[in-house]
C-alpha atoms as a PDB file:
ATOM      1  CA  MET A   1       0.000   0.000   0.000  1.00  0.00           C
ATOM      2  CA  LYS A   2       1.373   3.384  -1.040  1.00  0.00           C
ATOM      3  CA  LYS A   3       2.018   5.938   1.670  1.00  0.00           C
ATOM      4  CA  TYR A   4       1.312   9.678   1.540  1.00  0.00           C
ATOM      5  CA  LEU A   5       1.503  12.373   4.185  1.00  0.00           C
ATOM      6  CA  VAL A   6       1.639  16.060   5.016  1.00  0.00           C
ATOM      7  CA  ILE A   7       4.535  17.596   6.949  1.00  0.00           C
ATOM      8  CA  GLY A   8       4.507  20.837   8.913  1.00  0.00           C
ATOM      9  CA  ASN A   9       4.802  22.497  12.290  1.00  0.00           C
ATOM     10  CA  PRO A  10       2.184  22.863  13.694  1.00  0.00           C
ATOM     11  CA  ILE A  11       0.367  19.986  12.013  1.00  0.00           C
ATOM     12  CA  GLU A  12      -2.446  18.895  14.330  1.00  0.00           C
ATOM     13  CA  HIS A  13      -4.872  21.308  12.588  1.00  0.00           C
ATOM     14  CA  SER A  14      -4.355  19.761   9.133  1.00  0.00           C
ATOM     15  CA  LEU A  15      -7.378  18.218   7.461  1.00  0.00           C
ATOM     16  CA  SER A  16      -5.288  16.841   4.576  1.00  0.00           C
ATOM     17  CA  PRO A  17      -5.430  13.228   5.877  1.00  0.00           C
ATOM     18  CA  LYS A  18      -9.211  13.368   6.223  1.00  0.00           C
ATOM     19  CA  LEU A  19      -9.613  14.730   2.685  1.00  0.00           C
ATOM     20  CA  HIS A  20      -7.053  12.558   0.892  1.00  0.00           C
ATOM     21  CA  ASN A  21      -8.144   9.360   2.642  1.00  0.00           C
ATOM     22  CA  TYR A  22     -11.733  10.131   1.615  1.00  0.00           C
ATOM     23  CA  TRP A  23     -10.646  10.478  -2.015  1.00  0.00           C
ATOM     24  CA  LEU A  24      -8.395   7.387  -1.859  1.00  0.00           C
ATOM     25  CA  SER A  25     -11.397   5.377  -0.708  1.00  0.00           C
ATOM     26  CA  ARG A  26     -13.858   7.075  -3.083  1.00  0.00           C
ATOM     27  CA  TYR A  27     -11.730   6.353  -6.170  1.00  0.00           C
ATOM     28  CA  LYS A  28     -10.519   2.961  -4.923  1.00  0.00           C
ATOM     29  CA  VAL A  29      -6.858   3.974  -5.019  1.00  0.00           C
ATOM     30  CA  GLY A  30      -4.636   1.841  -2.810  1.00  0.00           C
ATOM     31  CA  GLY A  31      -2.884   3.969  -0.256  1.00  0.00           C
ATOM     32  CA  ASN A  32      -2.954   5.727   3.081  1.00  0.00           C
ATOM     33  CA  TYR A  33      -2.406   9.373   4.027  1.00  0.00           C
ATOM     34  CA  GLU A  34      -1.085  10.577   7.396  1.00  0.00           C
ATOM     35  CA  LYS A  35       0.403  13.703   8.989  1.00  0.00           C
ATOM     36  CA  LYS A  36       3.879  14.167  10.416  1.00  0.00           C
ATOM     37  CA  LEU A  37       5.149  16.828  12.808  1.00  0.00           C
ATOM     38  CA  LEU A  38       8.733  17.827  12.001  1.00  0.00           C
ATOM     39  CA  THR A  39      11.266  20.392  13.129  1.00  0.00           C
ATOM     40  CA  GLU A  40      13.373  22.373  10.663  1.00  0.00           C
ATOM     41  CA  ASP A  41      16.529  20.367  11.363  1.00  0.00           C
ATOM     42  CA  LYS A  42      14.784  17.052  10.654  1.00  0.00           C
ATOM     43  CA  VAL A  43      13.214  17.869   7.265  1.00  0.00           C
ATOM     44  CA  GLY A  44      16.178  16.829   5.116  1.00  0.00           C
ATOM     45  CA  GLU A  45      16.791  13.659   7.082  1.00  0.00           C
ATOM     46  CA  PHE A  46      13.133  12.699   6.744  1.00  0.00           C
ATOM     47  CA  LEU A  47      12.965  13.360   2.995  1.00  0.00           C
ATOM     48  CA  LYS A  48      16.098  11.319   2.363  1.00  0.00           C
ATOM     49  CA  SER A  49      15.038   8.424   4.592  1.00  0.00           C
ATOM     50  CA  ASP A  50      13.878   5.188   3.003  1.00  0.00           C
ATOM     51  CA  GLN A  51      10.292   5.039   4.230  1.00  0.00           C
ATOM     52  CA  LYS A  52       8.582   3.966   0.989  1.00  0.00           C
ATOM     53  CA  ILE A  53       6.665   7.244   0.777  1.00  0.00           C
ATOM     54  CA  SER A  54       5.139   8.061  -2.615  1.00  0.00           C
ATOM     55  CA  GLY A  55       3.976  11.626  -2.018  1.00  0.00           C
ATOM     56  CA  ILE A  56       4.230  14.448   0.509  1.00  0.00           C
ATOM     57  CA  ASN A  57       2.298  17.665   0.973  1.00  0.00           C
ATOM     58  CA  VAL A  58       4.195  20.490   2.655  1.00  0.00           C
ATOM     59  CA  THR A  59       2.649  23.153   4.852  1.00  0.00           C
ATOM     60  CA  VAL A  60       3.912  25.923   7.171  1.00  0.00           C
ATOM     61  CA  PRO A  61       6.809  26.542   7.641  1.00  0.00           C
ATOM     62  CA  PHE A  62       8.665  24.203   5.265  1.00  0.00           C
ATOM     63  CA  LYS A  63       7.594  25.245   1.739  1.00  0.00           C
ATOM     64  CA  LYS A  64      10.993  26.798   1.051  1.00  0.00           C
ATOM     65  CA  THR A  65      13.065  24.473   3.264  1.00  0.00           C
ATOM     66  CA  VAL A  66      12.190  21.379   1.229  1.00  0.00           C
ATOM     67  CA  ILE A  67      13.535  22.925  -1.975  1.00  0.00           C
ATOM     68  CA  ASN A  68      17.070  22.231  -0.721  1.00  0.00           C
ATOM     69  CA  TYR A  69      16.338  18.497  -0.779  1.00  0.00           C
ATOM     70  CA  CYS A  70      14.450  18.218  -4.090  1.00  0.00           C
ATOM     71  CA  SER A  71      16.326  16.688  -7.014  1.00  0.00           C
ATOM     72  CA  GLU A  72      13.949  18.378  -9.477  1.00  0.00           C
ATOM     73  CA  LEU A  73      11.542  21.309  -9.440  1.00  0.00           C
ATOM     74  CA  THR A  74       8.631  21.877 -11.793  1.00  0.00           C
ATOM     75  CA  GLU A  75       8.516  25.181 -13.663  1.00  0.00           C
ATOM     76  CA  LEU A  76       5.938  26.595 -11.251  1.00  0.00           C
ATOM     77  CA  ALA A  77       7.821  25.436  -8.160  1.00  0.00           C
ATOM     78  CA  SER A  78      10.954  27.053  -9.546  1.00  0.00           C
ATOM     79  CA  ALA A  79       9.173  30.319 -10.401  1.00  0.00           C
ATOM     80  CA  SER A  80       7.538  30.541  -6.977  1.00  0.00           C
ATOM     81  CA  GLN A  81      10.440  29.063  -5.019  1.00  0.00           C
ATOM     82  CA  SER A  82       7.742  27.361  -2.975  1.00  0.00           C
ATOM     83  CA  VAL A  83       6.972  23.646  -2.826  1.00  0.00           C
ATOM     84  CA  ASN A  84       3.824  22.225  -1.298  1.00  0.00           C
ATOM     85  CA  THR A  85       3.649  18.921  -3.227  1.00  0.00           C
ATOM     86  CA  ILE A  86       6.430  16.356  -3.514  1.00  0.00           C
ATOM     87  CA  THR A  87       6.489  13.179  -5.589  1.00  0.00           C
ATOM     88  CA  LEU A  88       9.043  10.521  -4.683  1.00  0.00           C
ATOM     89  CA  SER A  89       9.702   8.213  -7.619  1.00  0.00           C
ATOM     90  CA  ASN A  90      12.706   6.296  -8.976  1.00  0.00           C
ATOM     91  CA  ASP A  91      15.028   7.804  -6.357  1.00  0.00           C
ATOM     92  CA  LYS A  92      13.942  11.314  -7.380  1.00  0.00           C
ATOM     93  CA  ILE A  93      12.391  13.932  -5.111  1.00  0.00           C
ATOM     94  CA  ILE A  94      10.279  16.136  -7.393  1.00  0.00           C
ATOM     95  CA  GLY A  95       9.002  19.414  -5.953  1.00  0.00           C
ATOM     96  CA  ASP A  96       5.808  20.957  -7.313  1.00  0.00           C
ATOM     97  CA  ASN A  97       3.476  23.807  -6.449  1.00  0.00           C
ATOM     98  CA  THR A  98      -0.328  23.470  -6.380  1.00  0.00           C
ATOM     99  CA  ASP A  99      -0.939  26.530  -4.167  1.00  0.00           C
ATOM    100  CA  VAL A 100      -0.963  28.819  -7.212  1.00  0.00           C
ATOM    101  CA  TYR A 101      -3.770  26.783  -8.762  1.00  0.00           C
ATOM    102  CA  GLY A 102      -5.601  26.581  -5.439  1.00  0.00           C
ATOM    103  CA  PHE A 103      -5.613  30.316  -4.777  1.00  0.00           C
ATOM    104  CA  GLU A 104      -6.354  31.272  -8.381  1.00  0.00           C
ATOM    105  CA  GLN A 105      -9.247  28.834  -8.714  1.00  0.00           C
ATOM    106  CA  SER A 106     -10.807  29.912  -5.412  1.00  0.00           C
ATOM    107  CA  LEU A 107     -11.110  33.469  -6.759  1.00  0.00           C
ATOM    108  CA  ARG A 108     -12.187  32.404 -10.254  1.00  0.00           C
ATOM    109  CA  ASP A 109     -15.107  30.616  -8.592  1.00  0.00           C
ATOM    110  CA  LEU A 110     -16.234  34.029  -7.330  1.00  0.00           C
ATOM    111  CA  ASN A 111     -15.783  35.666 -10.767  1.00  0.00           C
ATOM    112  CA  PHE A 112     -13.016  37.862  -9.398  1.00  0.00           C
ATOM    113  CA  ASN A 113     -11.604  40.185 -12.053  1.00  0.00           C
ATOM    114  CA  GLY A 114      -8.197  41.556 -11.141  1.00  0.00           C
ATOM    115  CA  LEU A 115      -7.935  44.258 -13.801  1.00  0.00           C
ATOM    116  CA  ASN A 116      -7.240  47.680 -12.267  1.00  0.00           C
ATOM    117  CA  LYS A 117      -7.412  46.166  -8.781  1.00  0.00           C
ATOM    118  CA  THR A 118      -4.977  46.645  -5.893  1.00  0.00           C
ATOM    119  CA  ALA A 119      -4.096  43.672  -3.697  1.00  0.00           C
ATOM    120  CA  TYR A 120      -2.608  44.069  -0.217  1.00  0.00           C
ATOM    121  CA  ILE A 121      -0.655  41.074   1.090  1.00  0.00           C
ATOM    122  CA  ILE A 122       0.017  40.663   4.806  1.00  0.00           C
ATOM    123  CA  GLY A 123       3.020  38.466   5.597  1.00  0.00           C
ATOM    124  CA  ALA A 124       6.107  37.247   3.769  1.00  0.00           C
ATOM    125  CA  GLY A 125       6.032  33.475   4.281  1.00  0.00           C
ATOM    126  CA  GLY A 126       6.370  30.589   1.870  1.00  0.00           C
ATOM    127  CA  VAL A 127       2.903  30.916   0.325  1.00  0.00           C
ATOM    128  CA  VAL A 128       3.212  34.592  -0.659  1.00  0.00           C
ATOM    129  CA  SER A 129       4.987  33.985  -3.966  1.00  0.00           C
ATOM    130  CA  SER A 130       2.220  31.546  -4.974  1.00  0.00           C
ATOM    131  CA  VAL A 131      -0.446  34.123  -4.138  1.00  0.00           C
ATOM    132  CA  VAL A 132       1.406  36.785  -6.156  1.00  0.00           C
ATOM    133  CA  ILE A 133       1.731  34.554  -9.224  1.00  0.00           C
ATOM    134  CA  ALA A 134      -1.963  33.638  -8.986  1.00  0.00           C
ATOM    135  CA  LEU A 135      -2.963  37.319  -8.640  1.00  0.00           C
ATOM    136  CA  ASN A 136      -0.909  38.151 -11.730  1.00  0.00           C
ATOM    137  CA  LYS A 137      -2.689  35.381 -13.636  1.00  0.00           C
ATOM    138  CA  LEU A 138      -6.001  36.945 -12.549  1.00  0.00           C
ATOM    139  CA  GLY A 139      -4.928  40.303 -13.961  1.00  0.00           C
ATOM    140  CA  VAL A 140      -3.790  42.051 -10.756  1.00  0.00           C
ATOM    141  CA  GLN A 141      -0.707  44.143 -11.432  1.00  0.00           C
ATOM    142  CA  ASN A 142      -0.655  46.470  -8.416  1.00  0.00           C
ATOM    143  CA  ILE A 143       0.341  44.392  -5.377  1.00  0.00           C
ATOM    144  CA  VAL A 144       1.426  45.872  -2.048  1.00  0.00           C
ATOM    145  CA  ILE A 145       3.082  43.771   0.660  1.00  0.00           C
ATOM    146  CA  SER A 146       3.594  44.420   4.362  1.00  0.00           C
ATOM    147  CA  ASN A 147       5.431  42.319   6.941  1.00  0.00           C
ATOM    148  CA  ARG A 148       6.568  42.879  10.520  1.00  0.00           C
ATOM    149  CA  THR A 149      10.118  42.066   9.425  1.00  0.00           C
ATOM    150  CA  LYS A 150      10.390  44.569   6.602  1.00  0.00           C
ATOM    151  CA  ASN A 151      13.471  43.137   4.913  1.00  0.00           C
ATOM    152  CA  LYS A 152      11.579  39.911   4.114  1.00  0.00           C
ATOM    153  CA  ALA A 153       8.876  41.921   2.380  1.00  0.00           C
ATOM    154  CA  GLU A 154      11.533  43.919   0.527  1.00  0.00           C
ATOM    155  CA  ALA A 155      13.169  40.736  -0.776  1.00  0.00           C
ATOM    156  CA  LEU A 156       9.840  39.505  -2.165  1.00  0.00           C
ATOM    157  CA  ALA A 157       9.077  42.949  -3.584  1.00  0.00           C
ATOM    158  CA  LYS A 158      12.336  42.941  -5.503  1.00  0.00           C
ATOM    159  CA  GLU A 159      11.741  39.434  -6.842  1.00  0.00           C
ATOM    160  CA  TYR A 160       8.093  39.871  -7.864  1.00  0.00           C
ATOM    161  CA  ASN A 161       7.773  43.610  -8.574  1.00  0.00           C
ATOM    162  CA  LEU A 162       5.722  44.484  -5.495  1.00  0.00           C
ATOM    163  CA  VAL A 163       5.369  47.684  -3.462  1.00  0.00           C
ATOM    164  CA  VAL A 164       6.362  47.563   0.220  1.00  0.00           C
ATOM    165  CA  SER A 165       4.197  49.230   2.854  1.00  0.00           C
ATOM    166  CA  ASP A 166       5.115  49.815   6.505  1.00  0.00           C
ATOM    167  CA  TRP A 167       3.535  47.362   8.961  1.00  0.00           C
ATOM    168  CA  GLY A 168       0.195  48.641  10.227  1.00  0.00           C
ATOM    169  CA  LYS A 169      -0.214  51.293   7.542  1.00  0.00           C
ATOM    170  CA  ILE A 170      -3.698  51.471   6.031  1.00  0.00           C
ATOM    171  CA  ILE A 171      -3.680  51.761   2.248  1.00  0.00           C
ATOM    172  CA  ASP A 172      -6.454  51.767  -0.329  1.00  0.00           C
ATOM    173  CA  PHE A 173      -7.004  48.244  -1.634  1.00  0.00           C
ATOM    174  CA  ASP A 174      -9.626  46.062  -3.309  1.00  0.00           C
ATOM    175  CA  ILE A 175      -8.544  42.752  -1.769  1.00  0.00           C
ATOM    176  CA  ILE A 176      -6.383  42.056   1.278  1.00  0.00           C
ATOM    177  CA  ILE A 177      -4.882  38.610   1.895  1.00  0.00           C
ATOM    178  CA  ASN A 178      -3.564  37.359   5.226  1.00  0.00           C
ATOM    179  CA  CYS A 179      -0.655  35.083   4.290  1.00  0.00           C
ATOM    180  CA  THR A 180       0.593  34.648   7.850  1.00  0.00           C
ATOM    181  CA  SER A 181      -0.174  31.686  10.102  1.00  0.00           C
ATOM    182  CA  ILE A 182      -1.573  34.058  12.744  1.00  0.00           C
ATOM    183  CA  GLY A 183      -5.089  32.838  13.337  1.00  0.00           C
ATOM    184  CA  LEU A 184      -4.497  29.093  13.556  1.00  0.00           C
ATOM    185  CA  LYS A 185      -5.210  29.529  17.267  1.00  0.00           C
ATOM    186  CA  LYS A 186      -8.475  31.275  18.126  1.00  0.00           C
ATOM    187  CA  SER A 187      -6.628  33.590  20.491  1.00  0.00           C
ATOM    188  CA  ASP A 188      -4.275  34.789  17.727  1.00  0.00           C
ATOM    189  CA  SER A 189      -4.547  38.367  16.546  1.00  0.00           C
ATOM    190  CA  LEU A 190      -2.713  40.192  13.761  1.00  0.00           C
ATOM    191  CA  ASP A 191      -2.984  43.450  15.729  1.00  0.00           C
ATOM    192  CA  LEU A 192      -3.950  45.273  12.554  1.00  0.00           C
ATOM    193  CA  ASP A 193      -6.960  47.559  12.590  1.00  0.00           C
ATOM    194  CA  PHE A 194      -9.148  48.406   9.586  1.00  0.00           C
ATOM    195  CA  PRO A 195     -11.943  50.376  11.319  1.00  0.00           C
ATOM    196  CA  ASN A 196     -13.269  52.366   8.371  1.00  0.00           C
ATOM    197  CA  VAL A 197     -12.691  49.872   5.569  1.00  0.00           C
ATOM    198  CA  LYS A 198     -15.932  48.675   3.959  1.00  0.00           C
ATOM    199  CA  ASP A 199     -17.045  46.779   0.840  1.00  0.00           C
ATOM    200  CA  LYS A 200     -13.623  45.206   0.274  1.00  0.00           C
ATOM    201  CA  ILE A 201     -12.546  41.563   0.016  1.00  0.00           C
ATOM    202  CA  PHE A 202     -10.756  40.103   3.042  1.00  0.00           C
ATOM    203  CA  TYR A 203      -9.115  36.746   2.288  1.00  0.00           C
ATOM    204  CA  ASP A 204      -7.391  34.537   4.853  1.00  0.00           C
ATOM    205  CA  ILE A 205      -5.446  31.508   3.654  1.00  0.00           C
ATOM    206  CA  ILE A 206      -6.214  29.806   6.992  1.00  0.00           C
ATOM    207  CA  TYR A 207      -9.226  27.530   6.521  1.00  0.00           C
ATOM    208  CA  LYS A 208      -9.998  26.663  10.138  1.00  0.00           C
ATOM    209  CA  PRO A 209     -10.891  28.257  12.534  1.00  0.00           C
ATOM    210  CA  LYS A 210     -12.587  31.436  11.305  1.00  0.00           C
ATOM    211  CA  THR A 211      -9.938  33.990  12.194  1.00  0.00           C
ATOM    212  CA  LYS A 212     -10.336  37.291  14.035  1.00  0.00           C
ATOM    213  CA  PHE A 213      -9.053  38.928  10.837  1.00  0.00           C
ATOM    214  CA  LEU A 214     -12.169  37.685   9.009  1.00  0.00           C
ATOM    215  CA  LEU A 215     -14.613  38.071  11.883  1.00  0.00           C
ATOM    216  CA  ASN A 216     -13.703  41.735  12.339  1.00  0.00           C
ATOM    217  CA  ALA A 217     -13.838  42.389   8.590  1.00  0.00           C
ATOM    218  CA  GLU A 218     -17.278  40.802   8.374  1.00  0.00           C
ATOM    219  CA  LYS A 219     -18.596  42.994  11.197  1.00  0.00           C
ATOM    220  CA  SER A 220     -17.435  46.058   9.254  1.00  0.00           C
ATOM    221  CA  GLY A 221     -19.411  45.055   6.150  1.00  0.00           C
ATOM    222  CA  ASN A 222     -16.706  43.469   4.012  1.00  0.00           C
ATOM    223  CA  LYS A 223     -16.813  40.310   1.919  1.00  0.00           C
ATOM    224  CA  ILE A 224     -14.764  37.556   3.575  1.00  0.00           C
ATOM    225  CA  ILE A 225     -13.166  34.435   2.123  1.00  0.00           C
ATOM    226  CA  ASP A 226     -11.402  31.776   4.172  1.00  0.00           C
ATOM    227  CA  GLY A 227      -8.807  29.369   2.815  1.00  0.00           C
ATOM    228  CA  LYS A 228     -11.170  26.410   2.492  1.00  0.00           C
ATOM    229  CA  MET A 229     -11.547  26.405  -1.295  1.00  0.00           C
ATOM    230  CA  MET A 230      -7.846  27.165  -1.835  1.00  0.00           C
ATOM    231  CA  PHE A 231      -7.070  24.185   0.384  1.00  0.00           C
ATOM    232  CA  LEU A 232      -9.469  21.934  -1.541  1.00  0.00           C
ATOM    233  CA  TYR A 233      -8.192  22.977  -4.956  1.00  0.00           C
ATOM    234  CA  GLN A 234      -4.511  22.613  -4.066  1.00  0.00           C
ATOM    235  CA  ALA A 235      -5.316  19.153  -2.655  1.00  0.00           C
ATOM    236  CA  GLN A 236      -7.279  18.255  -5.787  1.00  0.00           C
ATOM    237  CA  LYS A 237      -4.270  19.140  -7.953  1.00  0.00           C
ATOM    238  CA  SER A 238      -1.883  17.180  -5.695  1.00  0.00           C
ATOM    239  CA  PHE A 239      -4.144  14.129  -5.883  1.00  0.00           C
ATOM    240  CA  GLU A 240      -4.237  14.417  -9.670  1.00  0.00           C
ATOM    241  CA  ILE A 241      -0.427  14.649  -9.868  1.00  0.00           C
ATOM    242  CA  TRP A 242       0.000  11.518  -7.753  1.00  0.00           C
ATOM    243  CA  HIS A 243      -2.850   9.355  -9.029  1.00  0.00           C
ATOM    244  CA  GLY A 244      -3.827  10.659 -12.465  1.00  0.00           C
ATOM    245  CA  ILE A 245      -7.382  11.251 -11.220  1.00  0.00           C
ATOM    246  CA  LYS A 246      -8.973  14.680 -10.768  1.00  0.00           C
ATOM    247  CA  PRO A 247     -11.259  14.167  -7.765  1.00  0.00           C
ATOM    248  CA  GLU A 248     -14.596  15.930  -7.644  1.00  0.00           C
ATOM    249  CA  ILE A 249     -15.115  18.763  -5.195  1.00  0.00           C
ATOM    250  CA  ASN A 250     -18.791  18.642  -4.221  1.00  0.00           C
ATOM    251  CA  ASP A 251     -20.900  19.474  -1.175  1.00  0.00           C
ATOM    252  CA  GLU A 252     -19.983  16.194   0.504  1.00  0.00           C
ATOM    253  CA  VAL A 253     -16.277  16.986   0.182  1.00  0.00           C
ATOM    254  CA  ILE A 254     -16.746  20.575   1.369  1.00  0.00           C
ATOM    255  CA  ASN A 255     -18.715  19.332   4.374  1.00  0.00           C
ATOM    256  CA  LEU A 256     -15.801  17.097   5.358  1.00  0.00           C
ATOM    257  CA  LEU A 257     -13.970  20.260   6.365  1.00  0.00           C
ATOM    258  CA  ASN A 258     -16.923  21.546   8.365  1.00  0.00           C
ATOM    259  CA  ASP A 259     -17.373  18.465  10.551  1.00  0.00           C
END
């Protein structure tokens, strides 16, 4: 039986095993999917170990770390310098990126048109480059980024032609995306205030729980989007890469994440 898993830290929140095991059963694909908590210093050792693993999903904070241990990168993984899907085959470790597809598709579902729109990205972690590439594909050219550690935002700005804003500064935007992991715990707060912002799109890549970032935005009369559909679409693409089957995303699948 083939073995698949997701690695990250923290990892207990991940619903990847629940989703992938559902699809493995639904499409009668032999295999099992688990989750694995790792520390930064153990990632390389784990990837190079002989554990008969066929595929790995990568979540926070290892999407850039794993690149050092991949023998090949797909074009998209190379362009984004972010890997969230790994295929292990014939002694090769192939890094791929399905986050771009996941984020892009989640907005296409809502008929989002990025022409003449301004996007404001909060954070500078491993998923940001994927979000930027997806926004570009959707027609967004004006992208502003802000991060507590400014030099990380500046590095991304230089690489992807972004504008850097000081942390906490309120700018005019059409869509704002929280790309940090702040919100995984219900007590987490970004400590950013948008008191007079209305009728904008607030997007959080975190899919569970509903973050304070979104709750506060909703109270102010903004449209909110959590990371649920991005998560489902990136998983769908990973499953297709590994098994050659594009699994259906229907109400039953969506409800798996709500249970």
